[in-house]
Amino acid sequence: MTNATATPAKKAVKKTRRIDAQMIPTIAAVVIFILMMIMGQALFGTYLRLGFISTLFIDHAYLIILAVAMTLPILTGGIDLSVGAIVAITAVIGIKMANAGVPAFVVMIVMLLIGAVFGVLAATLIEEFNMQPFIATLSTMFLARGIASIISTDSLTFPDNNNFDVLSKSITIIDQPKLSHDLYFNLGVVIALVVLVFGYILLHHTRIGRTIYAIGGSRSSAELMGLPVKRAQFTIYITSATLAALASIVYIANLGSAKNTVGVGWELDAVASVVIGGTIITGGFGYVLGSALGALVRSIIDPLTSDFGVPAEWTTIVVGLMILAFVVLQRVVTAVGSKK
């Protein structure tokens, strides 16, 4: 073997090792989720029951959707702070329209379009006015939250016989004498899984997806390579905002009500899910599958702290410490990988 062939081989090995090293945070999330489930089962005897797992997915399908939505901007080194506020404004408008007798399908379309409009606004601020994503989406967050509060500050509920409940009706797969042993799901879970597949295909099987990763590595390099950077940025923020509206549809269909304060802090839960799932906060590396797993880890913290009798205020502390640990782990992995 000549030196010319040996050198590329060594580089390939180093690249493989670096990629494997970058997977460590995602692998850590898998291990933590499994350990939390085992601990919950060992101490409380319910966490591995089919009913608990079913409820976990149904109640947090919206968070999986938001995690996929947030993964897109974070992969470029950006962020979308408006997702929680978009949930609020679309929820308030959606329930108002349903109470006015507008068909559910039309209401859902309008909700998605509202989300898309906020995505276009954010992308325009970022690309045409050179705003940082943090500032641009902070602006759209306050705008959406303010409009939602102007429309209504009351707790709104769906009218009887609305078709939104189609999304929340349980479909039983395994029927046992005890409900806690049943395995079931609803269309909200199906929507979350479809969004997950969509995110995977977008990122790994399209030119826009390759551009998103390239922007996270170096935007200037992506532009020099002739990649459609501006189009990718518009795609990112329009998709993120539209998915936030979709998360709103799933959430209010499941709950049956909403208020202008719904979604407060959800953007931070989405960021936490993405970081816990192994996506590097500075961009360039991450997976939507990891983000979905991070959403499940974030979701299981609530019942665990409740079963331990820990005050609800401590939940945010646990999440904060977990984010800190994963960010430090990412930094260590990145530093070690760059030295090899």
C-alpha atoms as a PDB file:
ATOM      1  CA  MET A   1       0.000   0.000   0.000  1.00  0.00           C
ATOM      2  CA  THR A   2       1.400   3.403  -0.975  1.00  0.00           C
ATOM      3  CA  ASN A   3       1.444   6.500   1.198  1.00  0.00           C
ATOM      4  CA  ALA A   4      -1.094   8.072  -1.161  1.00  0.00           C
ATOM      5  CA  THR A   5      -3.650   5.374  -0.374  1.00  0.00           C
ATOM      6  CA  ALA A   6      -2.703   5.049   3.288  1.00  0.00           C
ATOM      7  CA  THR A   7      -3.339   8.711   4.084  1.00  0.00           C
ATOM      8  CA  PRO A   8      -6.997   8.768   2.924  1.00  0.00           C
ATOM      9  CA  ALA A   9      -7.575   5.521   4.807  1.00  0.00           C
ATOM     10  CA  LYS A  10      -6.269   7.082   8.019  1.00  0.00           C
ATOM     11  CA  LYS A  11      -8.440  10.148   7.462  1.00  0.00           C
ATOM     12  CA  ALA A  12     -11.484   7.935   6.936  1.00  0.00           C
ATOM     13  CA  VAL A  13     -10.795   6.096  10.204  1.00  0.00           C
ATOM     14  CA  LYS A  14     -10.399   9.385  12.057  1.00  0.00           C
ATOM     15  CA  LYS A  15     -13.621  10.710  10.551  1.00  0.00           C
ATOM     16  CA  THR A  16     -15.481   7.549  11.558  1.00  0.00           C
ATOM     17  CA  ARG A  17     -14.152   7.812  15.103  1.00  0.00           C
ATOM     18  CA  ARG A  18     -15.194  11.457  15.295  1.00  0.00           C
ATOM     19  CA  ILE A  19     -18.709  10.645  14.055  1.00  0.00           C
ATOM     20  CA  ASP A  20     -18.928   7.796  16.556  1.00  0.00           C
ATOM     21  CA  ALA A  21     -17.769  10.156  19.314  1.00  0.00           C
ATOM     22  CA  GLN A  22     -20.446  12.686  18.356  1.00  0.00           C
ATOM     23  CA  MET A  23     -23.056   9.966  18.837  1.00  0.00           C
ATOM     24  CA  ILE A  24     -22.152   9.684  22.536  1.00  0.00           C
ATOM     25  CA  PRO A  25     -24.728  12.285  23.740  1.00  0.00           C
ATOM     26  CA  THR A  26     -27.510  10.528  21.810  1.00  0.00           C
ATOM     27  CA  ILE A  27     -26.432   7.156  23.174  1.00  0.00           C
ATOM     28  CA  ALA A  28     -26.371   8.705  26.647  1.00  0.00           C
ATOM     29  CA  ALA A  29     -29.976   9.855  26.148  1.00  0.00           C
ATOM     30  CA  VAL A  30     -30.999   6.296  25.236  1.00  0.00           C
ATOM     31  CA  VAL A  31     -29.298   4.925  28.345  1.00  0.00           C
ATOM     32  CA  ILE A  32     -30.847   7.586  30.592  1.00  0.00           C
ATOM     33  CA  PHE A  33     -34.343   6.935  29.230  1.00  0.00           C
ATOM     34  CA  ILE A  34     -33.997   3.184  29.790  1.00  0.00           C
ATOM     35  CA  LEU A  35     -32.615   3.695  33.303  1.00  0.00           C
ATOM     36  CA  MET A  36     -35.424   6.110  34.198  1.00  0.00           C
ATOM     37  CA  MET A  37     -38.035   3.621  32.996  1.00  0.00           C
ATOM     38  CA  ILE A  38     -36.401   0.768  34.911  1.00  0.00           C
ATOM     39  CA  MET A  39     -36.094   2.895  38.057  1.00  0.00           C
ATOM     40  CA  GLY A  40     -39.725   3.957  37.813  1.00  0.00           C
ATOM     41  CA  GLN A  41     -40.819   0.357  37.382  1.00  0.00           C
ATOM     42  CA  ALA A  42     -38.655  -0.895  40.244  1.00  0.00           C
ATOM     43  CA  LEU A  43     -39.857   1.764  42.688  1.00  0.00           C
ATOM     44  CA  PHE A  44     -43.461   2.318  41.639  1.00  0.00           C
ATOM     45  CA  GLY A  45     -44.357  -0.729  39.521  1.00  0.00           C
ATOM     46  CA  THR A  46     -46.157   1.113  36.717  1.00  0.00           C
ATOM     47  CA  TYR A  47     -43.587   2.511  34.292  1.00  0.00           C
ATOM     48  CA  LEU A  48     -43.248  -0.551  32.074  1.00  0.00           C
ATOM     49  CA  ARG A  49     -46.974  -1.173  31.907  1.00  0.00           C
ATOM     50  CA  LEU A  50     -48.460  -0.776  28.456  1.00  0.00           C
ATOM     51  CA  GLY A  51     -50.967   1.763  29.740  1.00  0.00           C
ATOM     52  CA  PHE A  52     -48.238   4.042  31.097  1.00  0.00           C
ATOM     53  CA  ILE A  53     -46.257   3.871  27.860  1.00  0.00           C
ATOM     54  CA  SER A  54     -49.407   4.571  25.841  1.00  0.00           C
ATOM     55  CA  THR A  55     -50.261   7.601  27.976  1.00  0.00           C
ATOM     56  CA  LEU A  56     -46.687   8.880  27.771  1.00  0.00           C
ATOM     57  CA  PHE A  57     -46.846   8.980  23.977  1.00  0.00           C
ATOM     58  CA  ILE A  58     -50.400  10.352  23.773  1.00  0.00           C
ATOM     59  CA  ASP A  59     -49.868  13.139  26.314  1.00  0.00           C
ATOM     60  CA  HIS A  60     -46.544  14.237  24.822  1.00  0.00           C
ATOM     61  CA  ALA A  61     -47.089  13.763  21.098  1.00  0.00           C
ATOM     62  CA  TYR A  62     -47.154  17.560  20.807  1.00  0.00           C
ATOM     63  CA  LEU A  63     -43.682  17.785  22.390  1.00  0.00           C
ATOM     64  CA  ILE A  64     -42.248  15.280  19.908  1.00  0.00           C
ATOM     65  CA  ILE A  65     -43.573  17.489  17.095  1.00  0.00           C
ATOM     66  CA  LEU A  66     -42.077  20.603  18.703  1.00  0.00           C
ATOM     67  CA  ALA A  67     -38.752  18.807  19.181  1.00  0.00           C
ATOM     68  CA  VAL A  68     -38.615  17.979  15.466  1.00  0.00           C
ATOM     69  CA  ALA A  69     -39.535  21.590  14.682  1.00  0.00           C
ATOM     70  CA  MET A  70     -36.785  22.970  16.931  1.00  0.00           C
ATOM     71  CA  THR A  71     -34.156  20.584  15.558  1.00  0.00           C
ATOM     72  CA  LEU A  72     -34.184  22.315  12.170  1.00  0.00           C
ATOM     73  CA  PRO A  73     -33.040  25.804  13.260  1.00  0.00           C
ATOM     74  CA  ILE A  74     -30.669  24.472  15.920  1.00  0.00           C
ATOM     75  CA  LEU A  75     -28.874  22.357  13.300  1.00  0.00           C
ATOM     76  CA  THR A  76     -27.926  25.629  11.582  1.00  0.00           C
ATOM     77  CA  GLY A  77     -26.772  27.237  14.822  1.00  0.00           C
ATOM     78  CA  GLY A  78     -30.042  29.180  15.079  1.00  0.00           C
ATOM     79  CA  ILE A  79     -33.142  28.869  17.246  1.00  0.00           C
ATOM     80  CA  ASP A  80     -36.899  29.420  17.047  1.00  0.00           C
ATOM     81  CA  LEU A  81     -38.244  30.996  20.227  1.00  0.00           C
ATOM     82  CA  SER A  82     -41.704  31.522  18.757  1.00  0.00           C
ATOM     83  CA  VAL A  83     -42.978  27.926  18.743  1.00  0.00           C
ATOM     84  CA  GLY A  84     -44.742  28.160  22.118  1.00  0.00           C
ATOM     85  CA  ALA A  85     -46.415  31.457  21.217  1.00  0.00           C
ATOM     86  CA  ILE A  86     -47.509  30.054  17.847  1.00  0.00           C
ATOM     87  CA  VAL A  87     -49.158  27.196  19.744  1.00  0.00           C
ATOM     88  CA  ALA A  88     -51.042  29.818  21.780  1.00  0.00           C
ATOM     89  CA  ILE A  89     -52.266  32.022  18.939  1.00  0.00           C
ATOM     90  CA  THR A  90     -53.317  29.098  16.744  1.00  0.00           C
ATOM     91  CA  ALA A  91     -55.056  27.373  19.672  1.00  0.00           C
ATOM     92  CA  VAL A  92     -57.048  30.480  20.599  1.00  0.00           C
ATOM     93  CA  ILE A  93     -58.020  31.243  16.994  1.00  0.00           C
ATOM     94  CA  GLY A  94     -58.784  27.584  16.292  1.00  0.00           C
ATOM     95  CA  ILE A  95     -61.173  27.142  19.213  1.00  0.00           C
ATOM     96  CA  LYS A  96     -62.807  30.511  18.493  1.00  0.00           C
ATOM     97  CA  MET A  97     -63.445  29.421  14.897  1.00  0.00           C
ATOM     98  CA  ALA A  98     -64.769  26.026  16.019  1.00  0.00           C
ATOM     99  CA  ASN A  99     -67.233  27.753  18.346  1.00  0.00           C
ATOM    100  CA  ALA A 100     -68.331  29.931  15.426  1.00  0.00           C
ATOM    101  CA  GLY A 101     -69.336  26.778  13.540  1.00  0.00           C
ATOM    102  CA  VAL A 102     -66.422  26.600  11.103  1.00  0.00           C
ATOM    103  CA  PRO A 103     -65.738  22.977  10.013  1.00  0.00           C
ATOM    104  CA  ALA A 104     -62.816  21.343  11.832  1.00  0.00           C
ATOM    105  CA  PHE A 105     -60.867  20.663   8.635  1.00  0.00           C
ATOM    106  CA  VAL A 106     -61.027  24.346   7.640  1.00  0.00           C
ATOM    107  CA  VAL A 107     -59.985  25.371  11.151  1.00  0.00           C
ATOM    108  CA  MET A 108     -56.946  23.096  11.001  1.00  0.00           C
ATOM    109  CA  ILE A 109     -55.903  24.489   7.609  1.00  0.00           C
ATOM    110  CA  VAL A 110     -56.214  28.058   8.920  1.00  0.00           C
ATOM    111  CA  MET A 111     -54.145  27.176  12.002  1.00  0.00           C
ATOM    112  CA  LEU A 112     -51.378  25.714   9.834  1.00  0.00           C
ATOM    113  CA  LEU A 113     -51.430  28.763   7.548  1.00  0.00           C
ATOM    114  CA  ILE A 114     -51.123  31.100  10.537  1.00  0.00           C
ATOM    115  CA  GLY A 115     -48.079  29.165  11.669  1.00  0.00           C
ATOM    116  CA  ALA A 116     -46.587  29.364   8.183  1.00  0.00           C
ATOM    117  CA  VAL A 117     -47.113  33.152   8.081  1.00  0.00           C
ATOM    118  CA  PHE A 118     -45.128  33.574  11.288  1.00  0.00           C
ATOM    119  CA  GLY A 119     -42.434  31.341   9.808  1.00  0.00           C
ATOM    120  CA  VAL A 120     -42.239  33.531   6.696  1.00  0.00           C
ATOM    121  CA  LEU A 121     -41.986  36.626   8.894  1.00  0.00           C
ATOM    122  CA  ALA A 122     -39.161  35.150  10.982  1.00  0.00           C
ATOM    123  CA  ALA A 123     -37.255  33.947   7.913  1.00  0.00           C
ATOM    124  CA  THR A 124     -37.650  37.351   6.248  1.00  0.00           C
ATOM    125  CA  LEU A 125     -36.255  39.132   9.303  1.00  0.00           C
ATOM    126  CA  ILE A 126     -33.311  36.728   9.379  1.00  0.00           C
ATOM    127  CA  GLU A 127     -32.470  36.655   5.680  1.00  0.00           C
ATOM    128  CA  GLU A 128     -33.573  40.044   4.352  1.00  0.00           C
ATOM    129  CA  PHE A 129     -32.828  42.203   7.403  1.00  0.00           C
ATOM    130  CA  ASN A 130     -29.832  40.214   8.692  1.00  0.00           C
ATOM    131  CA  MET A 131     -31.318  39.730  12.160  1.00  0.00           C
ATOM    132  CA  GLN A 132     -29.987  37.035  14.435  1.00  0.00           C
ATOM    133  CA  PRO A 133     -32.475  34.133  14.724  1.00  0.00           C
ATOM    134  CA  PHE A 134     -32.702  34.743  18.478  1.00  0.00           C
ATOM    135  CA  ILE A 135     -33.888  38.339  17.992  1.00  0.00           C
ATOM    136  CA  ALA A 136     -36.083  37.603  14.971  1.00  0.00           C
ATOM    137  CA  THR A 137     -37.980  34.762  16.626  1.00  0.00           C
ATOM    138  CA  LEU A 138     -38.125  36.637  19.939  1.00  0.00           C
ATOM    139  CA  SER A 139     -39.964  39.371  18.017  1.00  0.00           C
ATOM    140  CA  THR A 140     -42.411  36.926  16.445  1.00  0.00           C
ATOM    141  CA  MET A 141     -42.871  35.252  19.835  1.00  0.00           C
ATOM    142  CA  PHE A 142     -44.018  38.503  21.469  1.00  0.00           C
ATOM    143  CA  LEU A 143     -46.148  39.339  18.436  1.00  0.00           C
ATOM    144  CA  ALA A 144     -47.951  35.992  18.469  1.00  0.00           C
ATOM    145  CA  ARG A 145     -48.391  35.974  22.241  1.00  0.00           C
ATOM    146  CA  GLY A 146     -49.720  39.533  22.205  1.00  0.00           C
ATOM    147  CA  ILE A 147     -52.255  38.848  19.456  1.00  0.00           C
ATOM    148  CA  ALA A 148     -53.427  35.713  21.291  1.00  0.00           C
ATOM    149  CA  SER A 149     -54.002  37.796  24.442  1.00  0.00           C
ATOM    150  CA  ILE A 150     -55.911  40.457  22.482  1.00  0.00           C
ATOM    151  CA  ILE A 151     -58.203  37.825  20.964  1.00  0.00           C
ATOM    152  CA  SER A 152     -59.062  36.236  24.309  1.00  0.00           C
ATOM    153  CA  THR A 153     -57.791  35.863  27.849  1.00  0.00           C
ATOM    154  CA  ASP A 154     -60.561  33.432  28.801  1.00  0.00           C
ATOM    155  CA  SER A 155     -60.293  29.674  29.019  1.00  0.00           C
ATOM    156  CA  LEU A 156     -61.815  28.447  25.762  1.00  0.00           C
ATOM    157  CA  THR A 157     -63.386  25.039  25.179  1.00  0.00           C
ATOM    158  CA  PHE A 158     -64.544  23.228  22.073  1.00  0.00           C
ATOM    159  CA  PRO A 159     -68.282  23.002  21.373  1.00  0.00           C
ATOM    160  CA  ASP A 160     -70.018  19.650  21.626  1.00  0.00           C
ATOM    161  CA  ASN A 161     -69.761  17.321  18.641  1.00  0.00           C
ATOM    162  CA  ASN A 162     -66.716  19.014  17.171  1.00  0.00           C
ATOM    163  CA  ASN A 163     -64.621  16.901  14.810  1.00  0.00           C
ATOM    164  CA  PHE A 164     -61.349  17.694  16.565  1.00  0.00           C
ATOM    165  CA  ASP A 165     -62.071  14.809  18.923  1.00  0.00           C
ATOM    166  CA  VAL A 166     -61.339  12.414  16.048  1.00  0.00           C
ATOM    167  CA  LEU A 167     -57.650  13.060  16.735  1.00  0.00           C
ATOM    168  CA  SER A 168     -57.980  12.229  20.427  1.00  0.00           C
ATOM    169  CA  LYS A 169     -60.060   9.033  20.261  1.00  0.00           C
ATOM    170  CA  SER A 170     -58.081   6.056  21.538  1.00  0.00           C
ATOM    171  CA  ILE A 171     -57.428   3.080  19.286  1.00  0.00           C
ATOM    172  CA  THR A 172     -56.749  -0.056  21.320  1.00  0.00           C
ATOM    173  CA  ILE A 173     -54.160  -2.550  20.088  1.00  0.00           C
ATOM    174  CA  ILE A 174     -53.995  -4.837  23.130  1.00  0.00           C
ATOM    175  CA  ASP A 175     -57.123  -5.005  25.289  1.00  0.00           C
ATOM    176  CA  GLN A 176     -56.597  -6.343  28.814  1.00  0.00           C
ATOM    177  CA  PRO A 177     -59.007  -6.612  31.771  1.00  0.00           C
ATOM    178  CA  LYS A 178     -57.138  -3.761  33.471  1.00  0.00           C
ATOM    179  CA  LEU A 179     -56.902  -0.437  31.621  1.00  0.00           C
ATOM    180  CA  SER A 180     -53.335   0.072  32.869  1.00  0.00           C
ATOM    181  CA  HIS A 181     -52.315  -3.023  30.884  1.00  0.00           C
ATOM    182  CA  ASP A 182     -53.925  -1.886  27.612  1.00  0.00           C
ATOM    183  CA  LEU A 183     -51.794  -0.746  24.682  1.00  0.00           C
ATOM    184  CA  TYR A 184     -53.478   2.068  22.789  1.00  0.00           C
ATOM    185  CA  PHE A 185     -52.774   5.211  20.791  1.00  0.00           C
ATOM    186  CA  ASN A 186     -54.597   8.000  19.005  1.00  0.00           C
ATOM    187  CA  LEU A 187     -54.174   9.913  15.754  1.00  0.00           C
ATOM    188  CA  GLY A 188     -52.103  12.525  17.576  1.00  0.00           C
ATOM    189  CA  VAL A 189     -49.410   9.889  18.103  1.00  0.00           C
ATOM    190  CA  VAL A 190     -49.661   8.895  14.433  1.00  0.00           C
ATOM    191  CA  ILE A 191     -49.210  12.541  13.424  1.00  0.00           C
ATOM    192  CA  ALA A 192     -46.138  12.820  15.658  1.00  0.00           C
ATOM    193  CA  LEU A 193     -44.615   9.710  14.068  1.00  0.00           C
ATOM    194  CA  VAL A 194     -45.369  11.020  10.564  1.00  0.00           C
ATOM    195  CA  VAL A 195     -43.670  14.314  11.472  1.00  0.00           C
ATOM    196  CA  LEU A 196     -40.681  12.345  12.731  1.00  0.00           C
ATOM    197  CA  VAL A 197     -40.406  10.448   9.445  1.00  0.00           C
ATOM    198  CA  PHE A 198     -40.866  13.696   7.514  1.00  0.00           C
ATOM    199  CA  GLY A 199     -38.049  15.340   9.471  1.00  0.00           C
ATOM    200  CA  TYR A 200     -35.754  12.381   8.868  1.00  0.00           C
ATOM    201  CA  ILE A 201     -36.427  12.360   5.117  1.00  0.00           C
ATOM    202  CA  LEU A 202     -36.040  16.143   4.870  1.00  0.00           C
ATOM    203  CA  LEU A 203     -32.675  16.147   6.630  1.00  0.00           C
ATOM    204  CA  HIS A 204     -31.122  13.002   5.204  1.00  0.00           C
ATOM    205  CA  HIS A 205     -32.603  12.554   1.739  1.00  0.00           C
ATOM    206  CA  THR A 206     -32.997  16.055   0.283  1.00  0.00           C
ATOM    207  CA  ARG A 207     -30.676  18.809  -0.884  1.00  0.00           C
ATOM    208  CA  ILE A 208     -32.274  21.188   1.612  1.00  0.00           C
ATOM    209  CA  GLY A 209     -31.336  18.768   4.395  1.00  0.00           C
ATOM    210  CA  ARG A 210     -27.715  18.640   3.274  1.00  0.00           C
ATOM    211  CA  THR A 211     -27.732  22.430   3.113  1.00  0.00           C
ATOM    212  CA  ILE A 212     -29.068  22.656   6.676  1.00  0.00           C
ATOM    213  CA  TYR A 213     -26.164  20.590   7.985  1.00  0.00           C
ATOM    214  CA  ALA A 214     -23.727  22.593   5.845  1.00  0.00           C
ATOM    215  CA  ILE A 215     -25.010  25.899   7.254  1.00  0.00           C
ATOM    216  CA  GLY A 216     -24.436  24.544  10.752  1.00  0.00           C
ATOM    217  CA  GLY A 217     -20.860  23.714   9.842  1.00  0.00           C
ATOM    218  CA  SER A 218     -20.123  27.024   8.096  1.00  0.00           C
ATOM    219  CA  ARG A 219     -22.638  29.226   6.309  1.00  0.00           C
ATOM    220  CA  SER A 220     -19.957  30.936   4.219  1.00  0.00           C
ATOM    221  CA  SER A 221     -18.625  27.565   3.058  1.00  0.00           C
ATOM    222  CA  ALA A 222     -22.155  26.427   2.191  1.00  0.00           C
ATOM    223  CA  GLU A 223     -22.637  29.557   0.080  1.00  0.00           C
ATOM    224  CA  LEU A 224     -19.286  29.059  -1.665  1.00  0.00           C
ATOM    225  CA  MET A 225     -20.355  25.515  -2.551  1.00  0.00           C
ATOM    226  CA  GLY A 226     -23.411  26.947  -4.286  1.00  0.00           C
ATOM    227  CA  LEU A 227     -25.919  25.449  -1.860  1.00  0.00           C
ATOM    228  CA  PRO A 228     -29.356  27.140  -1.621  1.00  0.00           C
ATOM    229  CA  VAL A 229     -28.722  28.741   1.771  1.00  0.00           C
ATOM    230  CA  LYS A 230     -31.474  31.374   1.672  1.00  0.00           C
ATOM    231  CA  ARG A 231     -34.064  28.857   0.461  1.00  0.00           C
ATOM    232  CA  ALA A 232     -32.996  26.460   3.200  1.00  0.00           C
ATOM    233  CA  GLN A 233     -33.394  29.162   5.851  1.00  0.00           C
ATOM    234  CA  PHE A 234     -36.904  29.986   4.667  1.00  0.00           C
ATOM    235  CA  THR A 235     -37.721  26.262   4.615  1.00  0.00           C
ATOM    236  CA  ILE A 236     -36.409  25.858   8.158  1.00  0.00           C
ATOM    237  CA  TYR A 237     -38.430  28.612   9.801  1.00  0.00           C
ATOM    238  CA  ILE A 238     -41.609  28.080   7.782  1.00  0.00           C
ATOM    239  CA  THR A 239     -41.489  24.359   8.586  1.00  0.00           C
ATOM    240  CA  SER A 240     -40.697  24.987  12.248  1.00  0.00           C
ATOM    241  CA  ALA A 241     -43.585  27.434  12.687  1.00  0.00           C
ATOM    242  CA  THR A 242     -46.025  25.242  10.742  1.00  0.00           C
ATOM    243  CA  LEU A 243     -45.089  22.239  12.869  1.00  0.00           C
ATOM    244  CA  ALA A 244     -45.708  24.370  15.969  1.00  0.00           C
ATOM    245  CA  ALA A 245     -49.230  24.994  14.663  1.00  0.00           C
ATOM    246  CA  LEU A 246     -49.604  21.251  14.062  1.00  0.00           C
ATOM    247  CA  ALA A 247     -48.488  20.599  17.647  1.00  0.00           C
ATOM    248  CA  SER A 248     -51.206  23.033  18.725  1.00  0.00           C
ATOM    249  CA  ILE A 249     -53.820  21.045  16.789  1.00  0.00           C
ATOM    250  CA  VAL A 250     -52.723  17.792  18.426  1.00  0.00           C
ATOM    251  CA  TYR A 251     -52.615  19.359  21.892  1.00  0.00           C
ATOM    252  CA  ILE A 252     -56.008  21.094  21.881  1.00  0.00           C
ATOM    253  CA  ALA A 253     -57.662  18.069  20.270  1.00  0.00           C
ATOM    254  CA  ASN A 254     -56.368  15.956  23.152  1.00  0.00           C
ATOM    255  CA  LEU A 255     -57.180  18.469  25.906  1.00  0.00           C
ATOM    256  CA  GLY A 256     -60.365  19.983  24.474  1.00  0.00           C
ATOM    257  CA  SER A 257     -59.564  23.491  25.667  1.00  0.00           C
ATOM    258  CA  ALA A 258     -56.908  26.206  25.602  1.00  0.00           C
ATOM    259  CA  LYS A 259     -56.025  29.674  26.854  1.00  0.00           C
ATOM    260  CA  ASN A 260     -53.803  32.487  25.644  1.00  0.00           C
ATOM    261  CA  THR A 261     -51.161  31.366  28.150  1.00  0.00           C
ATOM    262  CA  VAL A 262     -50.853  27.867  26.684  1.00  0.00           C
ATOM    263  CA  GLY A 263     -47.389  27.069  25.388  1.00  0.00           C
ATOM    264  CA  VAL A 264     -45.510  29.333  27.797  1.00  0.00           C
ATOM    265  CA  GLY A 265     -42.026  27.855  28.155  1.00  0.00           C
ATOM    266  CA  TRP A 266     -42.642  25.145  25.568  1.00  0.00           C
ATOM    267  CA  GLU A 267     -39.894  26.544  23.359  1.00  0.00           C
ATOM    268  CA  LEU A 268     -37.492  25.803  26.212  1.00  0.00           C
ATOM    269  CA  ASP A 269     -38.870  22.281  26.591  1.00  0.00           C
ATOM    270  CA  ALA A 270     -38.303  21.812  22.855  1.00  0.00           C
ATOM    271  CA  VAL A 271     -34.724  23.099  23.131  1.00  0.00           C
ATOM    272  CA  ALA A 272     -34.151  20.798  26.109  1.00  0.00           C
ATOM    273  CA  SER A 273     -35.444  17.826  24.101  1.00  0.00           C
ATOM    274  CA  VAL A 274     -33.156  18.649  21.181  1.00  0.00           C
ATOM    275  CA  VAL A 275     -30.061  19.087  23.357  1.00  0.00           C
ATOM    276  CA  ILE A 276     -30.773  15.971  25.440  1.00  0.00           C
ATOM    277  CA  GLY A 277     -31.259  14.069  22.167  1.00  0.00           C
ATOM    278  CA  GLY A 278     -27.688  14.845  21.131  1.00  0.00           C
ATOM    279  CA  THR A 279     -28.008  17.741  18.690  1.00  0.00           C
ATOM    280  CA  ILE A 280     -25.073  20.108  19.114  1.00  0.00           C
ATOM    281  CA  ILE A 281     -26.408  23.522  20.113  1.00  0.00           C
ATOM    282  CA  THR A 282     -23.916  25.329  17.860  1.00  0.00           C
ATOM    283  CA  GLY A 283     -25.204  23.418  14.815  1.00  0.00           C
ATOM    284  CA  GLY A 284     -23.839  21.001  12.271  1.00  0.00           C
ATOM    285  CA  PHE A 285     -24.673  17.696  13.951  1.00  0.00           C
ATOM    286  CA  GLY A 286     -27.828  16.053  15.250  1.00  0.00           C
ATOM    287  CA  TYR A 287     -30.796  13.834  14.429  1.00  0.00           C
ATOM    288  CA  VAL A 288     -34.555  14.273  14.686  1.00  0.00           C
ATOM    289  CA  LEU A 289     -34.747  10.737  16.083  1.00  0.00           C
ATOM    290  CA  GLY A 290     -32.486  11.835  18.931  1.00  0.00           C
ATOM    291  CA  SER A 291     -34.684  14.886  19.511  1.00  0.00           C
ATOM    292  CA  ALA A 292     -37.791  12.688  19.737  1.00  0.00           C
ATOM    293  CA  LEU A 293     -36.005  10.530  22.282  1.00  0.00           C
ATOM    294  CA  GLY A 294     -35.008  13.684  24.156  1.00  0.00           C
ATOM    295  CA  ALA A 295     -38.684  14.665  24.231  1.00  0.00           C
ATOM    296  CA  LEU A 296     -39.523  11.334  25.872  1.00  0.00           C
ATOM    297  CA  VAL A 297     -36.746  11.816  28.436  1.00  0.00           C
ATOM    298  CA  ARG A 298     -38.093  15.300  29.169  1.00  0.00           C
ATOM    299  CA  SER A 299     -41.630  13.902  29.416  1.00  0.00           C
ATOM    300  CA  ILE A 300     -40.811  11.164  31.892  1.00  0.00           C
ATOM    301  CA  ILE A 301     -39.206  13.615  34.319  1.00  0.00           C
ATOM    302  CA  ASP A 302     -42.635  14.957  35.328  1.00  0.00           C
ATOM    303  CA  PRO A 303     -44.199  11.668  36.537  1.00  0.00           C
ATOM    304  CA  LEU A 304     -40.930  10.607  38.165  1.00  0.00           C
ATOM    305  CA  THR A 305     -40.595  13.772  40.240  1.00  0.00           C
ATOM    306  CA  SER A 306     -44.300  13.577  41.100  1.00  0.00           C
ATOM    307  CA  ASP A 307     -44.042   9.953  42.257  1.00  0.00           C
ATOM    308  CA  PHE A 308     -41.003  10.817  44.358  1.00  0.00           C
ATOM    309  CA  GLY A 309     -43.044  13.545  46.033  1.00  0.00           C
ATOM    310  CA  VAL A 310     -40.730  16.264  44.768  1.00  0.00           C
ATOM    311  CA  PRO A 311     -42.359  19.721  44.397  1.00  0.00           C
ATOM    312  CA  ALA A 312     -43.206  20.658  40.809  1.00  0.00           C
ATOM    313  CA  GLU A 313     -40.780  23.591  40.979  1.00  0.00           C
ATOM    314  CA  TRP A 314     -37.893  21.135  41.156  1.00  0.00           C
ATOM    315  CA  THR A 315     -38.768  19.713  37.757  1.00  0.00           C
ATOM    316  CA  THR A 316     -37.246  22.724  36.024  1.00  0.00           C
ATOM    317  CA  ILE A 317     -34.107  22.348  38.129  1.00  0.00           C
ATOM    318  CA  VAL A 318     -33.760  18.717  37.058  1.00  0.00           C
ATOM    319  CA  VAL A 319     -34.239  19.687  33.403  1.00  0.00           C
ATOM    320  CA  GLY A 320     -31.720  22.516  33.758  1.00  0.00           C
ATOM    321  CA  LEU A 321     -29.094  20.241  35.282  1.00  0.00           C
ATOM    322  CA  MET A 322     -29.701  17.661  32.570  1.00  0.00           C
ATOM    323  CA  ILE A 323     -29.251  20.264  29.812  1.00  0.00           C
ATOM    324  CA  LEU A 324     -26.055  21.482  31.481  1.00  0.00           C
ATOM    325  CA  ALA A 325     -24.707  17.941  31.663  1.00  0.00           C
ATOM    326  CA  PHE A 326     -25.455  17.255  27.998  1.00  0.00           C
ATOM    327  CA  VAL A 327     -23.957  20.552  26.803  1.00  0.00           C
ATOM    328  CA  VAL A 328     -20.782  19.838  28.785  1.00  0.00           C
ATOM    329  CA  LEU A 329     -20.722  16.320  27.326  1.00  0.00           C
ATOM    330  CA  GLN A 330     -21.067  17.764  23.821  1.00  0.00           C
ATOM    331  CA  ARG A 331     -18.190  20.174  24.453  1.00  0.00           C
ATOM    332  CA  VAL A 332     -15.968  17.389  25.739  1.00  0.00           C
ATOM    333  CA  VAL A 333     -16.793  15.141  22.791  1.00  0.00           C
ATOM    334  CA  THR A 334     -16.169  17.974  20.313  1.00  0.00           C
ATOM    335  CA  ALA A 335     -12.853  18.866  21.953  1.00  0.00           C
ATOM    336  CA  VAL A 336     -11.662  15.256  22.019  1.00  0.00           C
ATOM    337  CA  GLY A 337     -12.779  14.718  18.418  1.00  0.00           C
ATOM    338  CA  SER A 338     -10.888  17.790  17.189  1.00  0.00           C
ATOM    339  CA  LYS A 339      -7.642  16.566  18.764  1.00  0.00           C
ATOM    340  CA  LYS A 340      -7.770  13.159  17.059  1.00  0.00           C
END
